[in-house]
N, C-alpha and C. Protein backbone atom coordinates (compact mmCIF):
# COMPACT_ATOMS: atom_id res chain seq x y z
N MET A 1 14.89 17.71 6.40
CA MET A 1 14.02 16.46 6.11
C MET A 1 14.12 16.29 4.47
N LYS A 2 14.23 15.02 4.08
CA LYS A 2 14.32 14.87 2.69
C LYS A 2 13.07 15.15 2.05
N ASP A 3 13.11 15.88 0.81
CA ASP A 3 11.94 16.28 0.14
C ASP A 3 11.65 15.09 -0.90
N PHE A 4 10.86 14.19 -0.42
CA PHE A 4 10.51 13.05 -1.24
C PHE A 4 9.65 13.33 -2.50
N PHE A 5 8.89 14.43 -2.49
CA PHE A 5 8.01 14.87 -3.47
C PHE A 5 9.02 15.44 -4.65
N LYS A 6 9.99 16.15 -4.23
CA LYS A 6 10.86 16.69 -5.32
C LYS A 6 11.58 15.50 -5.92
N ASP A 7 11.91 14.40 -5.26
CA ASP A 7 12.59 13.18 -5.69
C ASP A 7 11.66 12.64 -6.86
N ILE A 8 10.37 12.44 -6.61
CA ILE A 8 9.48 11.84 -7.49
C ILE A 8 9.37 12.58 -8.79
N LEU A 9 9.44 13.91 -8.70
CA LEU A 9 9.31 14.70 -9.90
C LEU A 9 10.62 14.65 -10.80
N MET A 10 11.70 14.43 -9.93
CA MET A 10 13.00 14.24 -10.78
C MET A 10 12.80 12.86 -11.40
N GLY A 11 12.26 11.90 -10.66
CA GLY A 11 12.00 10.42 -11.23
C GLY A 11 11.12 10.62 -12.43
N TYR A 12 10.04 11.37 -12.40
CA TYR A 12 9.35 11.62 -13.58
C TYR A 12 10.05 12.13 -14.80
N ARG A 13 10.99 13.03 -14.54
CA ARG A 13 11.70 13.61 -15.69
C ARG A 13 12.75 12.36 -16.21
N ALA A 14 13.22 11.64 -15.34
CA ALA A 14 14.13 10.62 -15.77
C ALA A 14 13.23 9.45 -16.68
N PHE A 15 12.01 9.21 -16.20
CA PHE A 15 11.13 8.43 -17.04
C PHE A 15 10.82 8.94 -18.20
N ARG A 16 10.54 10.24 -18.38
CA ARG A 16 10.31 10.89 -19.68
C ARG A 16 11.48 10.66 -20.72
N GLU A 17 12.60 10.85 -20.10
CA GLU A 17 13.92 10.82 -21.00
C GLU A 17 13.96 9.32 -21.44
N LYS A 18 13.86 8.34 -20.56
CA LYS A 18 14.03 7.06 -20.95
C LYS A 18 12.97 6.30 -21.77
N TYR A 19 11.78 6.53 -21.40
CA TYR A 19 10.63 5.98 -22.00
C TYR A 19 9.74 6.64 -22.93
N ALA A 20 9.71 8.06 -22.83
CA ALA A 20 8.60 8.68 -23.53
C ALA A 20 9.10 9.71 -24.56
N ASP A 21 10.40 10.18 -24.59
CA ASP A 21 10.98 11.22 -25.52
C ASP A 21 11.31 10.36 -26.84
N GLY A 22 11.00 11.07 -27.92
CA GLY A 22 11.32 10.72 -29.19
C GLY A 22 10.29 9.82 -29.85
N ASP A 23 10.37 9.72 -31.15
CA ASP A 23 9.22 9.24 -31.97
C ASP A 23 9.23 7.67 -31.86
N ASP A 24 10.47 7.11 -31.54
CA ASP A 24 10.36 5.57 -31.37
C ASP A 24 10.45 5.14 -29.91
N SER A 25 9.82 5.96 -28.91
CA SER A 25 9.94 5.67 -27.61
C SER A 25 9.01 4.51 -27.38
N ILE A 26 9.18 3.79 -26.09
CA ILE A 26 8.43 2.71 -25.58
C ILE A 26 7.00 3.16 -25.41
N MET A 27 6.77 4.33 -24.82
CA MET A 27 5.40 4.81 -24.69
C MET A 27 4.63 4.98 -25.97
N ARG A 28 5.26 5.63 -26.92
CA ARG A 28 4.58 5.78 -28.17
C ARG A 28 4.27 4.42 -28.85
N HIS A 29 5.11 3.45 -28.77
CA HIS A 29 4.94 2.13 -29.29
C HIS A 29 3.71 1.45 -28.55
N LEU A 30 3.73 1.62 -27.26
CA LEU A 30 2.60 1.04 -26.42
C LEU A 30 1.23 1.71 -26.78
N SER A 31 1.26 3.01 -26.93
CA SER A 31 0.01 3.69 -27.35
C SER A 31 -0.55 3.17 -28.66
N ALA A 32 0.45 3.21 -29.67
CA ALA A 32 0.03 2.75 -31.08
C ALA A 32 -0.49 1.27 -31.26
N HIS A 33 0.16 0.37 -30.35
CA HIS A 33 -0.04 -1.02 -30.42
C HIS A 33 -0.79 -1.74 -29.38
N GLY A 34 -1.04 -0.92 -28.41
CA GLY A 34 -1.62 -1.54 -27.25
C GLY A 34 -0.80 -2.35 -26.17
N GLN A 35 -1.34 -2.86 -25.13
CA GLN A 35 -0.50 -3.70 -24.32
C GLN A 35 -0.75 -5.20 -24.51
N LYS A 36 0.37 -5.85 -24.60
CA LYS A 36 0.30 -7.37 -24.74
C LYS A 36 1.11 -8.13 -23.83
N PRO A 37 1.05 -7.92 -22.55
CA PRO A 37 1.98 -8.57 -21.51
C PRO A 37 1.51 -9.91 -21.54
N GLN A 38 2.50 -10.80 -21.18
CA GLN A 38 2.31 -12.29 -21.11
C GLN A 38 2.27 -12.64 -19.73
N ILE A 39 2.65 -11.73 -18.73
CA ILE A 39 2.74 -12.02 -17.31
C ILE A 39 1.94 -11.09 -16.52
N MET A 40 1.20 -11.78 -15.64
CA MET A 40 0.40 -10.99 -14.63
C MET A 40 0.91 -11.28 -13.20
N VAL A 41 0.98 -10.22 -12.39
CA VAL A 41 1.45 -10.37 -10.97
C VAL A 41 0.38 -9.92 -10.13
N VAL A 42 0.03 -10.67 -9.07
CA VAL A 42 -0.83 -10.27 -7.97
C VAL A 42 0.25 -10.09 -6.74
N SER A 43 0.31 -8.77 -6.48
CA SER A 43 1.34 -8.35 -5.47
C SER A 43 0.74 -7.64 -4.36
N CYS A 44 1.49 -7.52 -3.22
CA CYS A 44 1.18 -6.81 -2.05
C CYS A 44 1.27 -5.28 -2.33
N CYS A 45 0.53 -4.46 -1.63
CA CYS A 45 0.55 -2.98 -1.64
C CYS A 45 1.77 -2.29 -1.15
N ASP A 46 2.57 -3.24 -0.41
CA ASP A 46 3.75 -2.94 0.33
C ASP A 46 4.67 -2.04 -0.36
N SER A 47 5.11 -0.96 0.00
CA SER A 47 5.91 0.14 -0.77
C SER A 47 7.34 -0.55 -1.07
N ARG A 48 7.65 -1.51 -0.33
CA ARG A 48 8.94 -2.22 -0.63
C ARG A 48 9.07 -3.27 -1.57
N VAL A 49 7.74 -3.53 -2.12
CA VAL A 49 7.65 -4.83 -3.01
C VAL A 49 7.02 -4.30 -4.32
N ASP A 50 7.95 -3.81 -5.14
CA ASP A 50 7.42 -3.28 -6.48
C ASP A 50 7.78 -4.25 -7.55
N PRO A 51 6.86 -4.99 -8.07
CA PRO A 51 7.11 -6.09 -9.06
C PRO A 51 7.99 -5.60 -10.33
N ALA A 52 7.61 -4.45 -10.81
CA ALA A 52 8.43 -3.91 -12.06
C ALA A 52 9.88 -3.53 -11.64
N LEU A 53 10.11 -3.15 -10.44
CA LEU A 53 11.45 -2.76 -10.01
C LEU A 53 12.27 -3.99 -9.69
N ILE A 54 11.61 -4.97 -8.88
CA ILE A 54 12.17 -6.08 -8.60
C ILE A 54 12.69 -6.90 -9.89
N LEU A 55 11.75 -7.07 -10.85
CA LEU A 55 12.10 -7.79 -12.01
C LEU A 55 12.59 -6.96 -13.22
N GLN A 56 12.81 -5.58 -12.85
CA GLN A 56 13.50 -4.67 -13.98
C GLN A 56 12.75 -4.78 -15.26
N CYS A 57 11.54 -4.62 -15.13
CA CYS A 57 10.60 -4.63 -16.39
C CYS A 57 10.35 -3.28 -16.86
N ASP A 58 10.16 -3.08 -18.16
CA ASP A 58 9.68 -1.95 -18.82
C ASP A 58 8.12 -1.76 -18.87
N PRO A 59 7.71 -0.47 -19.14
CA PRO A 59 6.26 -0.35 -19.17
C PRO A 59 5.70 -1.37 -20.30
N GLY A 60 4.60 -2.02 -19.93
CA GLY A 60 4.04 -2.95 -20.93
C GLY A 60 4.43 -4.44 -20.71
N ASP A 61 5.39 -4.67 -19.80
CA ASP A 61 5.81 -5.90 -19.72
C ASP A 61 5.03 -6.87 -18.66
N LEU A 62 4.40 -6.15 -17.58
CA LEU A 62 3.59 -6.79 -16.54
C LEU A 62 2.35 -6.32 -16.50
N PHE A 63 1.29 -7.06 -16.17
CA PHE A 63 -0.05 -6.70 -15.87
C PHE A 63 -0.20 -6.88 -14.33
N VAL A 64 -0.26 -5.81 -13.62
CA VAL A 64 -0.18 -5.97 -12.12
C VAL A 64 -1.56 -5.68 -11.40
N VAL A 65 -1.88 -6.39 -10.35
CA VAL A 65 -2.92 -5.97 -9.38
C VAL A 65 -2.22 -6.09 -8.20
N ARG A 66 -2.44 -5.11 -7.38
CA ARG A 66 -1.85 -5.12 -5.95
C ARG A 66 -3.00 -4.85 -4.91
N ASN A 67 -2.90 -5.65 -3.84
CA ASN A 67 -3.76 -5.61 -2.61
C ASN A 67 -3.09 -5.89 -1.38
N VAL A 68 -3.76 -5.57 -0.36
CA VAL A 68 -3.19 -6.03 1.09
C VAL A 68 -3.04 -7.47 1.08
N ALA A 69 -1.65 -7.91 1.31
CA ALA A 69 -1.49 -9.29 1.42
C ALA A 69 -1.47 -10.12 0.17
N ASN A 70 -1.52 -9.56 -0.96
CA ASN A 70 -1.44 -10.12 -2.14
C ASN A 70 -2.29 -11.39 -2.29
N ILE A 71 -3.64 -11.21 -1.78
CA ILE A 71 -4.63 -12.13 -1.80
C ILE A 71 -5.32 -12.36 -3.11
N VAL A 72 -5.38 -13.64 -3.48
CA VAL A 72 -6.42 -13.97 -4.63
C VAL A 72 -7.61 -14.36 -3.84
N PRO A 73 -8.79 -13.81 -3.98
CA PRO A 73 -9.98 -14.21 -3.33
C PRO A 73 -10.60 -15.43 -4.18
N PRO A 74 -11.70 -16.20 -3.54
CA PRO A 74 -12.26 -17.32 -4.24
C PRO A 74 -13.17 -16.59 -5.25
N PHE A 75 -13.62 -17.44 -6.27
CA PHE A 75 -14.57 -17.12 -7.23
C PHE A 75 -15.92 -16.89 -6.68
N GLU A 76 -16.43 -15.61 -6.59
CA GLU A 76 -17.79 -15.30 -6.11
C GLU A 76 -18.40 -14.49 -7.07
N LYS A 77 -19.55 -15.14 -7.82
CA LYS A 77 -20.30 -14.32 -8.78
C LYS A 77 -21.51 -13.68 -8.07
N ASP A 78 -21.50 -12.47 -7.67
CA ASP A 78 -22.62 -11.86 -6.95
C ASP A 78 -22.58 -10.43 -7.32
N ASN A 79 -23.35 -9.62 -6.66
CA ASN A 79 -23.39 -8.18 -6.90
C ASN A 79 -22.37 -7.34 -6.13
N ALA A 80 -21.65 -8.06 -5.44
CA ALA A 80 -20.64 -7.28 -4.66
C ALA A 80 -19.51 -6.76 -5.68
N HIS A 81 -18.53 -5.99 -5.18
CA HIS A 81 -17.53 -5.33 -5.95
C HIS A 81 -16.26 -6.31 -5.80
N HIS A 82 -15.78 -6.83 -6.89
CA HIS A 82 -14.55 -7.70 -6.87
C HIS A 82 -13.43 -7.16 -7.69
N GLY A 83 -12.64 -6.44 -7.16
CA GLY A 83 -11.59 -5.64 -7.97
C GLY A 83 -10.55 -6.57 -8.37
N VAL A 84 -10.07 -7.48 -7.37
CA VAL A 84 -9.00 -8.37 -7.90
C VAL A 84 -9.66 -9.49 -8.87
N SER A 85 -10.75 -9.97 -8.64
CA SER A 85 -11.38 -10.98 -9.65
C SER A 85 -11.58 -10.27 -11.00
N ALA A 86 -11.88 -8.97 -11.07
CA ALA A 86 -12.02 -8.31 -12.28
C ALA A 86 -10.80 -8.21 -13.07
N ALA A 87 -9.72 -8.04 -12.29
CA ALA A 87 -8.34 -7.74 -12.88
C ALA A 87 -8.05 -9.21 -13.37
N LEU A 88 -8.24 -10.23 -12.79
CA LEU A 88 -7.80 -11.55 -13.18
C LEU A 88 -8.60 -11.83 -14.43
N GLU A 89 -9.94 -11.49 -14.51
CA GLU A 89 -10.74 -11.84 -15.70
C GLU A 89 -10.10 -11.14 -16.94
N PHE A 90 -9.77 -9.84 -16.65
CA PHE A 90 -9.36 -9.01 -17.74
C PHE A 90 -7.96 -9.45 -18.35
N GLY A 91 -7.01 -9.84 -17.38
CA GLY A 91 -5.72 -10.17 -17.67
C GLY A 91 -5.79 -11.61 -18.35
N ILE A 92 -6.54 -12.51 -17.81
CA ILE A 92 -6.51 -13.92 -18.42
C ILE A 92 -7.45 -14.21 -19.49
N CYS A 93 -8.57 -13.44 -19.54
CA CYS A 93 -9.50 -13.70 -20.57
C CYS A 93 -9.33 -12.86 -21.78
N TYR A 94 -8.86 -11.54 -21.49
CA TYR A 94 -8.74 -10.62 -22.49
C TYR A 94 -7.44 -10.45 -23.03
N LEU A 95 -6.51 -10.41 -22.12
CA LEU A 95 -5.07 -10.16 -22.54
C LEU A 95 -4.52 -11.55 -22.81
N ASN A 96 -4.96 -12.69 -22.53
CA ASN A 96 -4.44 -13.93 -22.60
C ASN A 96 -3.06 -14.27 -22.04
N ILE A 97 -3.05 -13.68 -20.77
CA ILE A 97 -1.75 -13.82 -19.87
C ILE A 97 -1.52 -15.39 -19.86
N LYS A 98 -0.08 -15.62 -19.93
CA LYS A 98 0.36 -16.93 -20.06
C LYS A 98 1.02 -17.45 -18.62
N HIS A 99 1.48 -16.44 -17.94
CA HIS A 99 1.97 -16.73 -16.57
C HIS A 99 1.43 -15.78 -15.45
N LEU A 100 0.94 -16.30 -14.40
CA LEU A 100 0.34 -15.66 -13.33
C LEU A 100 1.28 -15.90 -12.13
N ILE A 101 1.82 -14.80 -11.66
CA ILE A 101 2.72 -14.82 -10.46
C ILE A 101 1.95 -14.21 -9.28
N ILE A 102 1.90 -15.00 -8.31
CA ILE A 102 1.43 -14.48 -6.83
C ILE A 102 2.68 -14.28 -6.04
N LEU A 103 2.86 -12.93 -5.77
CA LEU A 103 4.15 -12.54 -5.22
C LEU A 103 3.86 -12.11 -3.68
N GLY A 104 4.16 -13.01 -2.82
CA GLY A 104 4.17 -12.72 -1.36
C GLY A 104 5.56 -12.10 -0.94
N HIS A 105 5.66 -11.74 0.26
CA HIS A 105 6.89 -11.19 0.86
C HIS A 105 7.03 -11.31 2.31
N SER A 106 8.14 -11.08 2.75
CA SER A 106 8.41 -11.06 4.30
C SER A 106 7.91 -9.84 5.00
N GLN A 107 7.73 -9.80 6.16
CA GLN A 107 7.30 -8.59 7.07
C GLN A 107 6.12 -8.12 6.53
N CYS A 108 5.11 -8.96 6.05
CA CYS A 108 3.88 -8.46 5.44
C CYS A 108 2.85 -7.85 6.53
N GLY A 109 2.60 -6.49 6.37
CA GLY A 109 1.73 -5.92 7.39
C GLY A 109 0.31 -6.60 7.43
N GLY A 110 -0.25 -7.05 6.10
CA GLY A 110 -1.41 -7.68 6.10
C GLY A 110 -1.50 -9.01 6.69
N ILE A 111 -0.46 -9.72 6.68
CA ILE A 111 -0.48 -10.98 7.47
C ILE A 111 -0.24 -10.69 9.06
N ASP A 112 0.51 -9.60 9.38
CA ASP A 112 0.56 -9.25 10.78
C ASP A 112 -0.93 -8.85 11.32
N ALA A 113 -1.59 -8.14 10.48
CA ALA A 113 -2.96 -7.82 10.96
C ALA A 113 -3.82 -9.08 11.02
N LEU A 114 -3.58 -10.07 10.13
CA LEU A 114 -4.40 -11.34 10.40
C LEU A 114 -4.08 -11.85 11.76
N LEU A 115 -2.77 -11.97 12.03
CA LEU A 115 -2.39 -12.59 13.32
C LEU A 115 -2.61 -11.77 14.58
N HIS A 116 -2.80 -10.55 14.44
CA HIS A 116 -2.79 -9.66 15.55
C HIS A 116 -4.12 -8.67 15.30
N GLN A 117 -5.20 -9.21 15.09
CA GLN A 117 -6.28 -8.21 14.77
C GLN A 117 -6.53 -7.36 15.90
N GLU A 118 -6.29 -7.79 17.18
CA GLU A 118 -6.60 -6.91 18.26
C GLU A 118 -5.89 -5.52 18.32
N GLY A 119 -4.73 -5.48 17.46
CA GLY A 119 -3.86 -4.33 17.51
C GLY A 119 -4.34 -3.34 16.34
N LEU A 120 -5.37 -3.70 15.65
CA LEU A 120 -5.83 -2.60 14.57
C LEU A 120 -6.60 -1.59 15.24
N GLN A 121 -6.20 -0.29 15.00
CA GLN A 121 -6.89 0.80 15.55
C GLN A 121 -8.02 1.35 14.58
N GLN A 122 -7.81 0.99 13.23
CA GLN A 122 -8.81 1.38 12.27
C GLN A 122 -9.22 0.16 11.58
N ASP A 123 -10.43 -0.42 11.49
CA ASP A 123 -10.69 -1.65 10.74
C ASP A 123 -11.98 -1.89 10.13
N ASP A 124 -12.23 -0.93 9.20
CA ASP A 124 -13.46 -0.99 8.32
C ASP A 124 -13.45 -2.25 7.43
N PHE A 125 -12.27 -2.51 6.87
CA PHE A 125 -12.18 -3.42 5.87
C PHE A 125 -10.87 -4.44 6.06
N ILE A 126 -9.87 -4.18 6.80
CA ILE A 126 -8.60 -4.92 6.74
C ILE A 126 -8.95 -6.42 7.24
N SER A 127 -9.46 -6.55 8.57
CA SER A 127 -9.51 -7.85 9.08
C SER A 127 -10.49 -8.73 8.26
N ASN A 128 -11.53 -8.16 7.71
CA ASN A 128 -12.48 -8.96 6.79
C ASN A 128 -11.72 -9.35 5.59
N TRP A 129 -10.90 -8.50 5.08
CA TRP A 129 -10.10 -9.00 3.77
C TRP A 129 -9.19 -9.97 4.04
N VAL A 130 -8.22 -9.89 5.02
CA VAL A 130 -7.23 -10.81 5.29
C VAL A 130 -7.81 -12.20 6.00
N SER A 131 -9.18 -12.09 6.27
CA SER A 131 -9.66 -13.56 6.89
C SER A 131 -9.90 -14.39 5.77
N LEU A 132 -9.63 -14.13 4.47
CA LEU A 132 -9.71 -14.98 3.47
C LEU A 132 -8.51 -15.95 3.63
N ILE A 133 -7.56 -15.53 4.42
CA ILE A 133 -6.45 -16.51 4.58
C ILE A 133 -6.85 -17.34 5.80
N LYS A 134 -6.85 -18.70 5.61
CA LYS A 134 -7.32 -19.70 6.49
C LYS A 134 -6.02 -20.36 6.93
N VAL A 135 -5.44 -19.71 8.10
CA VAL A 135 -4.14 -20.36 8.68
C VAL A 135 -4.56 -21.52 9.64
N PRO A 136 -3.93 -22.61 9.50
CA PRO A 136 -4.21 -23.85 10.38
C PRO A 136 -3.95 -23.47 11.78
N SER A 137 -4.73 -24.00 12.71
CA SER A 137 -4.60 -23.64 14.13
C SER A 137 -3.32 -23.97 14.66
N ASP A 138 -2.64 -25.09 14.10
CA ASP A 138 -1.38 -25.57 14.64
C ASP A 138 -0.17 -24.86 14.09
N ALA A 139 -0.47 -23.76 13.06
CA ALA A 139 0.66 -23.10 12.35
C ALA A 139 1.39 -22.33 13.27
N PRO A 140 2.67 -22.22 13.15
CA PRO A 140 3.49 -21.20 13.75
C PRO A 140 2.90 -19.78 13.75
N ASN A 141 2.93 -19.12 14.91
CA ASN A 141 2.56 -17.62 14.81
C ASN A 141 3.59 -16.75 14.34
N ASP A 142 4.00 -16.91 13.04
CA ASP A 142 5.13 -16.29 12.53
C ASP A 142 4.66 -15.62 11.11
N ILE A 143 4.97 -14.27 11.05
CA ILE A 143 4.43 -13.77 9.79
C ILE A 143 4.90 -14.25 8.54
N ASP A 144 6.30 -14.56 8.27
CA ASP A 144 6.69 -15.17 7.17
C ASP A 144 6.37 -16.47 6.84
N HIS A 145 6.12 -17.16 7.78
CA HIS A 145 5.62 -18.56 7.61
C HIS A 145 4.18 -18.46 7.02
N CYS A 146 3.48 -17.68 7.75
CA CYS A 146 2.02 -17.60 7.28
C CYS A 146 1.85 -16.90 5.85
N ALA A 147 2.77 -15.90 5.56
CA ALA A 147 2.67 -15.35 4.28
C ALA A 147 3.04 -16.38 3.25
N ARG A 148 3.94 -17.29 3.43
CA ARG A 148 4.16 -18.41 2.45
C ARG A 148 2.89 -19.33 2.39
N PHE A 149 2.32 -19.60 3.59
CA PHE A 149 1.23 -20.56 3.49
C PHE A 149 0.06 -19.90 2.74
N ALA A 150 -0.10 -18.56 2.90
CA ALA A 150 -1.13 -17.86 2.27
C ALA A 150 -1.05 -17.84 0.67
N LEU A 151 0.14 -18.03 0.22
CA LEU A 151 0.41 -18.25 -1.22
C LEU A 151 -0.33 -19.52 -1.66
N THR A 152 -0.25 -20.54 -0.89
CA THR A 152 -0.77 -21.84 -1.44
C THR A 152 -2.45 -21.66 -1.35
N GLY A 153 -2.86 -20.98 -0.32
CA GLY A 153 -4.39 -20.64 -0.34
C GLY A 153 -4.83 -19.86 -1.50
N SER A 154 -4.10 -18.91 -1.92
CA SER A 154 -4.40 -18.14 -3.11
C SER A 154 -4.35 -18.86 -4.38
N TYR A 155 -3.47 -19.90 -4.33
CA TYR A 155 -3.39 -20.81 -5.52
C TYR A 155 -4.65 -21.55 -5.60
N GLN A 156 -5.17 -22.24 -4.53
CA GLN A 156 -6.37 -22.87 -4.50
C GLN A 156 -7.54 -22.04 -4.81
N HIS A 157 -7.53 -20.79 -4.38
CA HIS A 157 -8.63 -19.91 -4.83
C HIS A 157 -8.69 -19.80 -6.38
N CYS A 158 -7.47 -19.63 -6.99
CA CYS A 158 -7.36 -19.46 -8.41
C CYS A 158 -8.03 -20.57 -9.17
N LEU A 159 -8.04 -21.82 -8.58
CA LEU A 159 -8.67 -22.91 -9.29
C LEU A 159 -10.05 -22.88 -9.08
N THR A 160 -10.76 -22.04 -8.38
CA THR A 160 -12.23 -21.95 -8.24
C THR A 160 -12.71 -21.09 -9.36
N PHE A 161 -11.84 -20.45 -10.10
CA PHE A 161 -12.27 -19.57 -11.36
C PHE A 161 -12.38 -20.61 -12.44
N PRO A 162 -13.48 -20.77 -13.08
CA PRO A 162 -13.52 -21.80 -14.13
C PRO A 162 -12.58 -21.53 -15.19
N TRP A 163 -12.38 -20.32 -15.61
CA TRP A 163 -11.54 -19.90 -16.77
C TRP A 163 -10.07 -20.08 -16.46
N ILE A 164 -9.83 -19.88 -15.24
CA ILE A 164 -8.37 -20.10 -14.84
C ILE A 164 -8.12 -21.73 -14.78
N LYS A 165 -8.96 -22.39 -14.10
CA LYS A 165 -8.76 -23.93 -13.95
C LYS A 165 -8.63 -24.56 -15.32
N GLU A 166 -9.45 -23.99 -16.21
CA GLU A 166 -9.53 -24.54 -17.60
C GLU A 166 -8.12 -24.48 -18.26
N ARG A 167 -7.54 -23.20 -18.29
CA ARG A 167 -6.39 -22.83 -18.94
C ARG A 167 -5.18 -23.61 -18.21
N VAL A 168 -5.30 -23.68 -16.74
CA VAL A 168 -4.18 -24.43 -16.15
C VAL A 168 -4.12 -25.88 -16.53
N GLU A 169 -5.33 -26.43 -16.65
CA GLU A 169 -5.44 -27.92 -17.16
C GLU A 169 -5.02 -28.13 -18.58
N GLN A 170 -5.32 -26.99 -19.43
CA GLN A 170 -4.93 -27.08 -20.74
C GLN A 170 -3.36 -26.92 -20.97
N GLY A 171 -2.67 -26.27 -19.92
CA GLY A 171 -1.42 -25.91 -20.11
C GLY A 171 -1.02 -24.58 -20.76
N SER A 172 -2.10 -23.72 -20.89
CA SER A 172 -1.91 -22.44 -21.49
C SER A 172 -1.72 -21.33 -20.45
N LEU A 173 -1.86 -21.85 -19.16
CA LEU A 173 -1.52 -20.67 -18.27
C LEU A 173 -0.83 -21.52 -16.93
N ALA A 174 0.30 -20.93 -16.70
CA ALA A 174 1.03 -21.38 -15.52
C ALA A 174 0.99 -20.37 -14.19
N ILE A 175 0.69 -20.94 -13.10
CA ILE A 175 0.67 -20.11 -11.89
C ILE A 175 1.90 -20.42 -11.01
N HIS A 176 2.64 -19.26 -10.70
CA HIS A 176 3.86 -19.27 -9.97
C HIS A 176 3.49 -18.64 -8.54
N LEU A 177 4.11 -19.29 -7.45
CA LEU A 177 3.91 -18.82 -6.11
C LEU A 177 5.48 -18.45 -5.74
N TRP A 178 5.58 -16.95 -5.76
CA TRP A 178 6.96 -16.41 -5.34
C TRP A 178 6.77 -15.80 -3.90
N PHE A 179 7.91 -15.78 -3.16
CA PHE A 179 8.11 -15.22 -1.89
C PHE A 179 9.39 -14.40 -1.86
N PHE A 180 9.18 -13.11 -1.77
CA PHE A 180 10.31 -12.02 -1.78
C PHE A 180 10.65 -11.78 -0.30
N ASP A 181 12.02 -12.10 -0.18
CA ASP A 181 12.54 -11.72 1.09
C ASP A 181 13.17 -10.35 1.03
N ILE A 182 12.56 -9.46 1.74
CA ILE A 182 12.94 -7.93 1.56
C ILE A 182 14.28 -7.73 2.12
N GLU A 183 14.84 -8.31 3.22
CA GLU A 183 16.30 -8.00 3.81
C GLU A 183 17.27 -8.65 2.63
N ALA A 184 17.03 -9.87 2.16
CA ALA A 184 18.06 -10.39 1.22
C ALA A 184 17.82 -9.88 -0.16
N GLY A 185 16.64 -9.36 -0.50
CA GLY A 185 16.40 -9.13 -1.93
C GLY A 185 16.21 -10.13 -2.87
N ARG A 186 15.72 -11.29 -2.19
CA ARG A 186 15.84 -12.67 -3.00
C ARG A 186 14.39 -13.29 -3.19
N ILE A 187 14.18 -13.86 -4.18
CA ILE A 187 12.72 -14.63 -4.32
C ILE A 187 13.10 -16.04 -4.17
N SER A 188 12.18 -16.75 -3.60
CA SER A 188 12.03 -18.14 -3.62
C SER A 188 10.73 -18.47 -4.25
N THR A 189 10.63 -19.74 -4.90
CA THR A 189 9.41 -20.13 -5.57
C THR A 189 9.13 -21.40 -5.02
N TYR A 190 7.70 -21.66 -4.99
CA TYR A 190 7.10 -22.84 -4.43
C TYR A 190 7.19 -24.08 -5.45
N SER A 191 7.68 -25.12 -5.03
CA SER A 191 7.55 -26.28 -5.92
C SER A 191 6.34 -27.25 -5.63
N GLN A 192 5.42 -27.32 -6.58
CA GLN A 192 4.28 -28.00 -6.29
C GLN A 192 4.56 -29.52 -6.00
N GLU A 193 5.67 -30.07 -6.73
CA GLU A 193 5.99 -31.45 -6.47
C GLU A 193 6.62 -31.73 -5.13
N GLU A 194 7.52 -30.90 -4.75
CA GLU A 194 8.24 -31.09 -3.39
C GLU A 194 7.62 -30.33 -2.27
N LYS A 195 6.57 -29.56 -2.50
CA LYS A 195 5.90 -28.72 -1.38
C LYS A 195 6.80 -28.03 -0.46
N VAL A 196 7.77 -27.40 -1.22
CA VAL A 196 8.69 -26.53 -0.44
C VAL A 196 9.00 -25.32 -1.42
N PHE A 197 9.46 -24.22 -0.61
CA PHE A 197 10.04 -23.16 -1.35
C PHE A 197 11.44 -23.16 -1.71
N GLN A 198 11.87 -22.97 -2.91
CA GLN A 198 13.29 -23.08 -3.29
C GLN A 198 13.76 -21.69 -3.92
N THR A 199 15.08 -21.35 -3.78
CA THR A 199 15.55 -20.25 -4.35
C THR A 199 15.31 -20.09 -5.77
N LEU A 200 14.77 -18.94 -6.32
CA LEU A 200 14.54 -18.77 -7.79
C LEU A 200 15.92 -18.52 -8.47
N GLU A 201 16.11 -19.41 -9.42
CA GLU A 201 17.26 -19.22 -10.21
C GLU A 201 17.15 -18.68 -11.59
């Protein structure tokens, strides 16, 4: 059986050589000057969908928050714990992010859980979380279709945050809805004007 833990230790050594060794390394620069990413990504936890790998980014390039089904919840200011909302607030209000990418993907397990909740063997949190996605009753019972639809719902949720809505209206923040096809390794992006997903060029 393949020793994946040994592989990640080798990966760590490669990371050190590429990013951390030497006085002028990227990590030393980031430590001295702090993070100044202009792009934030809300991505799924799925192990096949790593934004930094897909976009071939260096440390410091992306501010990323990951959750099941890459959901942006609506603005709710209460005493509950809101991890995604806190990340959005930090990225947009403190890091002054210019681009917010919501990155969905094919074969999403979170969307599958939404469509087939009866199959969940352990469900303290999952079905309640994915219930934030409001799929129309006449929508096809198809994971990828619903995953694309969920992106537009997260976009609408973004606009319930007053400091996101203000920046979008001012033009200082752009929100992008991207869908990653795992098999093809290809991203499509949603056109707000044409209401369709188009191949990202």
